[in-house]
Each structure stands twice: as structure tokens, then as C-alpha cells.
């Protein structure tokens, strides 16, 4: 099972990214644990300057933007 982490302080972009991730997972039928990381110290330690940050299985995928569902579906399939 893959681990998808959304790093952010609870802003609207963070929640939008989480919704898009959940929709992408549902559409492709993947199994994933989705975790929100809101601790600012951990966010900074992991190198995320602009939120939201997206990690899949420990790999930084993007920062500072809300990826669309189609883009996320492609990325998730590649990372499975």
C-alpha cells in the first residue's frame, strides 16, 4: 500500500489537494494511506517551503501547487 502525505498548515490549497488525491485514488482503484502533516517544524525539515507539499512513498512530488486529478492519477500509477 502506498503512503501519500499532504504537507500543509490547513489552508484551502491543502484541502483542495487532499480532495484531488482522494478522487484520483478512487478513480484508479489504488490502495493508499493518505496522511496530513500539519506540524510546521516537520514541514520545514522535509524541505517544503511553499505549501501544500505532496509526498508519495517518501518522495517529494510537488510543492506550492494543487495538482489536478488527471495529473495525480498519472503520478500515482507511476509510483505504484
PDB file of N, CA and C in Angstrom:
ATOM      1  N   UNK A   1       0.852  -1.178   0.000  1.00  0.00           N
ATOM      2  CA  UNK A   1       0.000   0.000   0.000  1.00  0.00           C
ATOM      3  C   UNK A   1       0.899   1.242   0.000  1.00  0.00           C
ATOM      4  N   UNK A   2       0.532   2.206  -0.823  1.00  0.00           N
ATOM      5  CA  UNK A   2       1.336   3.413  -0.900  1.00  0.00           C
ATOM      6  C   UNK A   2       0.935   4.407   0.191  1.00  0.00           C
ATOM      7  N   UNK A   3       1.895   5.243   0.552  1.00  0.00           N
ATOM      8  CA  UNK A   3       1.656   6.289   1.536  1.00  0.00           C
ATOM      9  C   UNK A   3       1.710   7.626   0.816  1.00  0.00           C
ATOM     10  N   UNK A   4       0.620   8.373   0.906  1.00  0.00           N
ATOM     11  CA  UNK A   4       0.543   9.698   0.302  1.00  0.00           C
ATOM     12  C   UNK A   4       0.407  10.701   1.442  1.00  0.00           C
ATOM     13  N   UNK A   5       1.345  11.642   1.477  1.00  0.00           N
ATOM     14  CA  UNK A   5       1.346  12.645   2.537  1.00  0.00           C
ATOM     15  C   UNK A   5       1.141  14.028   1.939  1.00  0.00           C
ATOM     16  N   UNK A   6       0.255  14.773   2.557  1.00  0.00           N
ATOM     17  CA  UNK A   6      -0.014  16.150   2.157  1.00  0.00           C
ATOM     18  C   UNK A   6       0.475  17.033   3.293  1.00  0.00           C
ATOM     19  N   UNK A   7       1.464  17.854   2.992  1.00  0.00           N
ATOM     20  CA  UNK A   7       2.061  18.713   3.997  1.00  0.00           C
ATOM     21  C   UNK A   7       1.527  20.124   3.849  1.00  0.00           C
ATOM     22  N   UNK A   8       0.979  20.647   4.920  1.00  0.00           N
ATOM     23  CA  UNK A   8       0.455  22.000   4.902  1.00  0.00           C
ATOM     24  C   UNK A   8      -0.181  22.343   6.228  1.00  0.00           C
ATOM     25  N   UNK A   9      -0.467  23.617   6.384  1.00  0.00           N
ATOM     26  CA  UNK A   9      -0.952  24.114   7.668  1.00  0.00           C
ATOM     27  C   UNK A   9      -2.472  24.205   7.740  1.00  0.00           C
ATOM     28  N   UNK A  10      -3.153  23.603   6.788  1.00  0.00           N
ATOM     29  CA  UNK A  10      -4.611  23.616   6.824  1.00  0.00           C
ATOM     30  C   UNK A  10      -5.238  24.680   5.946  1.00  0.00           C
ATOM     31  N   UNK A  11      -4.502  25.173   4.971  1.00  0.00           N
ATOM     32  CA  UNK A  11      -5.043  26.201   4.075  1.00  0.00           C
ATOM     33  C   UNK A  11      -5.981  25.575   3.040  1.00  0.00           C
ATOM     34  N   UNK A  12      -6.668  26.406   2.306  1.00  0.00           N
ATOM     35  CA  UNK A  12      -7.623  25.904   1.315  1.00  0.00           C
ATOM     36  C   UNK A  12      -6.927  25.105   0.215  1.00  0.00           C
ATOM     37  N   UNK A  13      -5.694  25.482  -0.151  1.00  0.00           N
ATOM     38  CA  UNK A  13      -4.949  24.714  -1.156  1.00  0.00           C
ATOM     39  C   UNK A  13      -4.659  23.299  -0.660  1.00  0.00           C
ATOM     40  N   UNK A  14      -4.349  23.178   0.619  1.00  0.00           N
ATOM     41  CA  UNK A  14      -4.059  21.870   1.200  1.00  0.00           C
ATOM     42  C   UNK A  14      -5.294  20.969   1.139  1.00  0.00           C
ATOM     43  N   UNK A  15      -6.437  21.523   1.493  1.00  0.00           N
ATOM     44  CA  UNK A  15      -7.666  20.736   1.452  1.00  0.00           C
ATOM     45  C   UNK A  15      -8.066  20.395   0.023  1.00  0.00           C
ATOM     46  N   UNK A  16      -7.831  21.304  -0.914  1.00  0.00           N
ATOM     47  CA  UNK A  16      -8.127  21.025  -2.324  1.00  0.00           C
ATOM     48  C   UNK A  16      -7.243  19.894  -2.836  1.00  0.00           C
ATOM     49  N   UNK A  17      -5.953  19.932  -2.502  1.00  0.00           N
ATOM     50  CA  UNK A  17      -5.050  18.869  -2.933  1.00  0.00           C
ATOM     51  C   UNK A  17      -5.492  17.531  -2.348  1.00  0.00           C
ATOM     52  N   UNK A  18      -5.880  17.519  -1.091  1.00  0.00           N
ATOM     53  CA  UNK A  18      -6.338  16.271  -0.473  1.00  0.00           C
ATOM     54  C   UNK A  18      -7.571  15.732  -1.194  1.00  0.00           C
ATOM     55  N   UNK A  19      -8.517  16.608  -1.528  1.00  0.00           N
ATOM     56  CA  UNK A  19      -9.713  16.170  -2.269  1.00  0.00           C
ATOM     57  C   UNK A  19      -9.333  15.581  -3.618  1.00  0.00           C
ATOM     58  N   UNK A  20      -8.415  16.227  -4.312  1.00  0.00           N
ATOM     59  CA  UNK A  20      -7.980  15.735  -5.615  1.00  0.00           C
ATOM     60  C   UNK A  20      -7.272  14.385  -5.496  1.00  0.00           C
ATOM     61  N   UNK A  21      -6.449  14.237  -4.473  1.00  0.00           N
ATOM     62  CA  UNK A  21      -5.752  12.967  -4.244  1.00  0.00           C
ATOM     63  C   UNK A  21      -6.771  11.861  -3.990  1.00  0.00           C
ATOM     64  N   UNK A  22      -7.737  12.122  -3.133  1.00  0.00           N
ATOM     65  CA  UNK A  22      -8.752  11.104  -2.828  1.00  0.00           C
ATOM     66  C   UNK A  22      -9.552  10.720  -4.077  1.00  0.00           C
ATOM     67  N   UNK A  23      -9.887  11.702  -4.891  1.00  0.00           N
ATOM     68  CA  UNK A  23     -10.628  11.438  -6.118  1.00  0.00           C
ATOM     69  C   UNK A  23      -9.787  10.607  -7.093  1.00  0.00           C
ATOM     70  N   UNK A  24      -8.508  10.934  -7.216  1.00  0.00           N
ATOM     71  CA  UNK A  24      -7.613  10.187  -8.114  1.00  0.00           C
ATOM     72  C   UNK A  24      -7.464   8.737  -7.650  1.00  0.00           C
ATOM     73  N   UNK A  25      -7.292   8.543  -6.352  1.00  0.00           N
ATOM     74  CA  UNK A  25      -7.168   7.192  -5.792  1.00  0.00           C
ATOM     75  C   UNK A  25      -8.432   6.394  -6.092  1.00  0.00           C
ATOM     76  N   UNK A  26      -9.563   7.011  -5.875  1.00  0.00           N
ATOM     77  CA  UNK A  26     -10.848   6.341  -6.106  1.00  0.00           C
ATOM     78  C   UNK A  26     -11.002   5.954  -7.575  1.00  0.00           C
ATOM     79  N   UNK A  27     -10.658   6.861  -8.486  1.00  0.00           N
ATOM     80  CA  UNK A  27     -10.837   6.611  -9.914  1.00  0.00           C
ATOM     81  C   UNK A  27      -9.972   5.467 -10.425  1.00  0.00           C
ATOM     82  N   UNK A  28      -8.758   5.336  -9.900  1.00  0.00           N
ATOM     83  CA  UNK A  28      -7.900   4.265 -10.393  1.00  0.00           C
ATOM     84  C   UNK A  28      -7.962   3.011  -9.533  1.00  0.00           C
ATOM     85  N   UNK A  29      -8.648   3.096  -8.419  1.00  0.00           N
ATOM     86  CA  UNK A  29      -8.821   1.921  -7.564  1.00  0.00           C
ATOM     87  C   UNK A  29      -7.554   1.508  -6.830  1.00  0.00           C
ATOM     88  N   UNK A  30      -6.707   2.453  -6.544  1.00  0.00           N
ATOM     89  CA  UNK A  30      -5.465   2.162  -5.819  1.00  0.00           C
ATOM     90  C   UNK A  30      -5.733   2.100  -4.322  1.00  0.00           C
ATOM     91  N   UNK A  31      -4.853   1.391  -3.633  1.00  0.00           N
ATOM     92  CA  UNK A  31      -4.914   1.366  -2.175  1.00  0.00           C
ATOM     93  C   UNK A  31      -3.840   2.296  -1.653  1.00  0.00           C
ATOM     94  N   UNK A  32      -4.239   3.216  -0.809  1.00  0.00           N
ATOM     95  CA  UNK A  32      -3.273   4.179  -0.278  1.00  0.00           C
ATOM     96  C   UNK A  32      -3.721   4.675   1.081  1.00  0.00           C
ATOM     97  N   UNK A  33      -2.722   4.943   1.911  1.00  0.00           N
ATOM     98  CA  UNK A  33      -2.968   5.650   3.168  1.00  0.00           C
ATOM     99  C   UNK A  33      -2.685   7.118   2.883  1.00  0.00           C
ATOM    100  N   UNK A  34      -3.639   7.958   3.203  1.00  0.00           N
ATOM    101  CA  UNK A  34      -3.470   9.395   2.989  1.00  0.00           C
ATOM    102  C   UNK A  34      -3.312  10.052   4.355  1.00  0.00           C
ATOM    103  N   UNK A  35      -2.214  10.755   4.509  1.00  0.00           N
ATOM    104  CA  UNK A  35      -1.879  11.354   5.802  1.00  0.00           C
ATOM    105  C   UNK A  35      -1.649  12.850   5.616  1.00  0.00           C
ATOM    106  N   UNK A  36      -2.211  13.633   6.507  1.00  0.00           N
ATOM    107  CA  UNK A  36      -1.940  15.082   6.518  1.00  0.00           C
ATOM    108  C   UNK A  36      -0.861  15.365   7.550  1.00  0.00           C
ATOM    109  N   UNK A  37       0.106  16.160   7.155  1.00  0.00           N
ATOM    110  CA  UNK A  37       1.182  16.584   8.055  1.00  0.00           C
ATOM    111  C   UNK A  37       1.029  18.087   8.222  1.00  0.00           C
ATOM    112  N   UNK A  38       0.668  18.509   9.428  1.00  0.00           N
ATOM    113  CA  UNK A  38       0.406  19.925   9.680  1.00  0.00           C
ATOM    114  C   UNK A  38       1.422  20.567  10.616  1.00  0.00           C
ATOM    115  N   UNK A  39       2.353  19.785  11.137  1.00  0.00           N
ATOM    116  CA  UNK A  39       3.372  20.313  12.048  1.00  0.00           C
ATOM    117  C   UNK A  39       4.383  21.124  11.244  1.00  0.00           C
ATOM    118  N   UNK A  40       4.447  22.417  11.502  1.00  0.00           N
ATOM    119  CA  UNK A  40       5.286  23.327  10.718  1.00  0.00           C
ATOM    120  C   UNK A  40       6.757  22.926  10.772  1.00  0.00           C
ATOM    121  N   UNK A  41       7.216  22.431  11.902  1.00  0.00           N
ATOM    122  CA  UNK A  41       8.618  22.023  12.015  1.00  0.00           C
ATOM    123  C   UNK A  41       8.921  20.836  11.099  1.00  0.00           C
ATOM    124  N   UNK A  42       8.025  19.863  11.062  1.00  0.00           N
ATOM    125  CA  UNK A  42       8.220  18.708  10.176  1.00  0.00           C
ATOM    126  C   UNK A  42       8.148  19.132   8.707  1.00  0.00           C
ATOM    127  N   UNK A  43       7.238  20.043   8.399  1.00  0.00           N
ATOM    128  CA  UNK A  43       7.112  20.537   7.024  1.00  0.00           C
ATOM    129  C   UNK A  43       8.428  21.172   6.575  1.00  0.00           C
ATOM    130  N   UNK A  44       8.997  22.014   7.416  1.00  0.00           N
ATOM    131  CA  UNK A  44      10.252  22.686   7.092  1.00  0.00           C
ATOM    132  C   UNK A  44      11.405  21.681   7.005  1.00  0.00           C
ATOM    133  N   UNK A  45      11.459  20.740   7.959  1.00  0.00           N
ATOM    134  CA  UNK A  45      12.516  19.727   7.962  1.00  0.00           C
ATOM    135  C   UNK A  45      12.501  18.899   6.676  1.00  0.00           C
ATOM    136  N   UNK A  46      11.336  18.728   6.103  1.00  0.00           N
ATOM    137  CA  UNK A  46      11.223  17.918   4.892  1.00  0.00           C
ATOM    138  C   UNK A  46      11.413  18.733   3.618  1.00  0.00           C
ATOM    139  N   UNK A  47      11.785  20.001   3.785  1.00  0.00           N
ATOM    140  CA  UNK A  47      12.167  20.820   2.646  1.00  0.00           C
ATOM    141  C   UNK A  47      11.032  21.498   1.915  1.00  0.00           C
ATOM    142  N   UNK A  48       9.856  21.546   2.518  1.00  0.00           N
ATOM    143  CA  UNK A  48       8.718  22.192   1.879  1.00  0.00           C
ATOM    144  C   UNK A  48       8.664  23.644   2.337  1.00  0.00           C
ATOM    145  N   UNK A  49       8.882  24.544   1.392  1.00  0.00           N
ATOM    146  CA  UNK A  49       8.844  25.975   1.692  1.00  0.00           C
ATOM    147  C   UNK A  49       7.451  26.526   1.376  1.00  0.00           C
ATOM    148  N   UNK A  50       6.916  26.131   0.241  1.00  0.00           N
ATOM    149  CA  UNK A  50       5.578  26.561  -0.178  1.00  0.00           C
ATOM    150  C   UNK A  50       4.616  25.390  -0.046  1.00  0.00           C
ATOM    151  N   UNK A  51       3.537  25.595   0.679  1.00  0.00           N
ATOM    152  CA  UNK A  51       2.549  24.536   0.858  1.00  0.00           C
ATOM    153  C   UNK A  51       1.455  24.679  -0.190  1.00  0.00           C
ATOM    154  N   UNK A  52       0.785  23.616  -0.533  1.00  0.00           N
ATOM    155  CA  UNK A  52       0.936  22.277   0.020  1.00  0.00           C
ATOM    156  C   UNK A  52       2.120  21.537  -0.593  1.00  0.00           C
ATOM    157  N   UNK A  53       2.627  20.598   0.183  1.00  0.00           N
ATOM    158  CA  UNK A  53       3.641  19.683  -0.308  1.00  0.00           C
ATOM    159  C   UNK A  53       3.012  18.318  -0.474  1.00  0.00           C
ATOM    160  N   UNK A  54       3.459  17.592  -1.475  1.00  0.00           N
ATOM    161  CA  UNK A  54       2.927  16.253  -1.728  1.00  0.00           C
ATOM    162  C   UNK A  54       4.082  15.265  -1.773  1.00  0.00           C
ATOM    163  N   UNK A  55       4.001  14.261  -0.914  1.00  0.00           N
ATOM    164  CA  UNK A  55       4.973  13.170  -0.895  1.00  0.00           C
ATOM    165  C   UNK A  55       4.232  11.874  -1.198  1.00  0.00           C
ATOM    166  N   UNK A  56       4.833  11.032  -2.013  1.00  0.00           N
ATOM    167  CA  UNK A  56       4.310   9.686  -2.250  1.00  0.00           C
ATOM    168  C   UNK A  56       5.432   8.713  -1.927  1.00  0.00           C
ATOM    169  N   UNK A  57       5.161   7.825  -0.980  1.00  0.00           N
ATOM    170  CA  UNK A  57       6.146   6.842  -0.518  1.00  0.00           C
ATOM    171  C   UNK A  57       7.481   7.505  -0.168  1.00  0.00           C
ATOM    172  N   UNK A  58       7.407   8.655   0.499  1.00  0.00           N
ATOM    173  CA  UNK A  58       8.602   9.335   0.969  1.00  0.00           C
ATOM    174  C   UNK A  58       9.297  10.210  -0.063  1.00  0.00           C
ATOM    175  N   UNK A  59       8.800  10.227  -1.294  1.00  0.00           N
ATOM    176  CA  UNK A  59       9.417  11.029  -2.362  1.00  0.00           C
ATOM    177  C   UNK A  59       8.630  12.322  -2.568  1.00  0.00           C
ATOM    178  N   UNK A  60       9.347  13.438  -2.579  1.00  0.00           N
ATOM    179  CA  UNK A  60       8.711  14.733  -2.816  1.00  0.00           C
ATOM    180  C   UNK A  60       8.250  14.802  -4.271  1.00  0.00           C
ATOM    181  N   UNK A  61       6.959  15.061  -4.465  1.00  0.00           N
ATOM    182  CA  UNK A  61       6.366  15.126  -5.803  1.00  0.00           C
ATOM    183  C   UNK A  61       6.148  16.573  -6.225  1.00  0.00           C
ATOM    184  N   UNK A  62       5.615  17.395  -5.340  1.00  0.00           N
ATOM    185  CA  UNK A  62       5.379  18.797  -5.691  1.00  0.00           C
ATOM    186  C   UNK A  62       5.271  19.642  -4.435  1.00  0.00           C
ATOM    187  N   UNK A  63       5.481  20.949  -4.633  1.00  0.00           N
ATOM    188  CA  UNK A  63       5.273  21.909  -3.551  1.00  0.00           C
ATOM    189  C   UNK A  63       4.623  23.151  -4.132  1.00  0.00           C
ATOM    190  N   UNK A  64       3.775  23.775  -3.321  1.00  0.00           N
ATOM    191  CA  UNK A  64       3.210  25.070  -3.658  1.00  0.00           C
ATOM    192  C   UNK A  64       2.120  25.072  -4.712  1.00  0.00           C
ATOM    193  N   UNK A  65       1.634  23.894  -5.099  1.00  0.00           N
ATOM    194  CA  UNK A  65       0.560  23.885  -6.095  1.00  0.00           C
ATOM    195  C   UNK A  65      -0.418  22.756  -5.861  1.00  0.00           C
ATOM    196  N   UNK A  66      -1.601  22.946  -6.398  1.00  0.00           N
ATOM    197  CA  UNK A  66      -2.654  21.940  -6.298  1.00  0.00           C
ATOM    198  C   UNK A  66      -2.705  21.218  -7.638  1.00  0.00           C
ATOM    199  N   UNK A  67      -2.214  19.994  -7.642  1.00  0.00           N
ATOM    200  CA  UNK A  67      -2.242  19.201  -8.866  1.00  0.00           C
ATOM    201  C   UNK A  67      -3.672  18.776  -9.171  1.00  0.00           C
ATOM    202  N   UNK A  68      -3.983  18.686 -10.447  1.00  0.00           N
ATOM    203  CA  UNK A  68      -5.300  18.235 -10.865  1.00  0.00           C
ATOM    204  C   UNK A  68      -5.453  16.729 -10.735  1.00  0.00           C
ATOM    205  N   UNK A  69      -6.681  16.269 -10.782  1.00  0.00           N
ATOM    206  CA  UNK A  69      -6.974  14.841 -10.618  1.00  0.00           C
ATOM    207  C   UNK A  69      -6.280  14.012 -11.698  1.00  0.00           C
ATOM    208  N   UNK A  70      -6.335  14.448 -12.945  1.00  0.00           N
ATOM    209  CA  UNK A  70      -5.713  13.685 -14.033  1.00  0.00           C
ATOM    210  C   UNK A  70      -4.208  13.576 -13.850  1.00  0.00           C
ATOM    211  N   UNK A  71      -3.572  14.668 -13.468  1.00  0.00           N
ATOM    212  CA  UNK A  71      -2.127  14.632 -13.215  1.00  0.00           C
ATOM    213  C   UNK A  71      -1.807  13.692 -12.059  1.00  0.00           C
ATOM    214  N   UNK A  72      -2.605  13.755 -11.019  1.00  0.00           N
ATOM    215  CA  UNK A  72      -2.387  12.887  -9.869  1.00  0.00           C
ATOM    216  C   UNK A  72      -2.588  11.423 -10.226  1.00  0.00           C
ATOM    217  N   UNK A  73      -3.564  11.133 -11.068  1.00  0.00           N
ATOM    218  CA  UNK A  73      -3.784   9.747 -11.490  1.00  0.00           C
ATOM    219  C   UNK A  73      -2.540   9.210 -12.200  1.00  0.00           C
ATOM    220  N   UNK A  74      -1.962   9.990 -13.086  1.00  0.00           N
ATOM    221  CA  UNK A  74      -0.745   9.561 -13.792  1.00  0.00           C
ATOM    222  C   UNK A  74       0.404   9.316 -12.827  1.00  0.00           C
ATOM    223  N   UNK A  75       0.592  10.239 -11.898  1.00  0.00           N
ATOM    224  CA  UNK A  75       1.686  10.131 -10.932  1.00  0.00           C
ATOM    225  C   UNK A  75       1.489   8.903 -10.043  1.00  0.00           C
ATOM    226  N   UNK A  76       0.283   8.702  -9.561  1.00  0.00           N
ATOM    227  CA  UNK A  76       0.001   7.578  -8.664  1.00  0.00           C
ATOM    228  C   UNK A  76       0.235   6.248  -9.377  1.00  0.00           C
ATOM    229  N   UNK A  77      -0.200   6.145 -10.615  1.00  0.00           N
ATOM    230  CA  UNK A  77       0.018   4.907 -11.385  1.00  0.00           C
ATOM    231  C   UNK A  77       1.516   4.650 -11.541  1.00  0.00           C
ATOM    232  N   UNK A  78       2.292   5.705 -11.818  1.00  0.00           N
ATOM    233  CA  UNK A  78       3.745   5.550 -11.964  1.00  0.00           C
ATOM    234  C   UNK A  78       4.414   5.118 -10.676  1.00  0.00           C
ATOM    235  N   UNK A  79       3.912   5.590  -9.552  1.00  0.00           N
ATOM    236  CA  UNK A  79       4.555   5.340  -8.256  1.00  0.00           C
ATOM    237  C   UNK A  79       4.093   4.043  -7.583  1.00  0.00           C
ATOM    238  N   UNK A  80       3.077   3.413  -8.136  1.00  0.00           N
ATOM    239  CA  UNK A  80       2.575   2.177  -7.502  1.00  0.00           C
ATOM    240  C   UNK A  80       3.599   1.090  -7.486  1.00  0.00           C
TER     241      UNK A  80
END
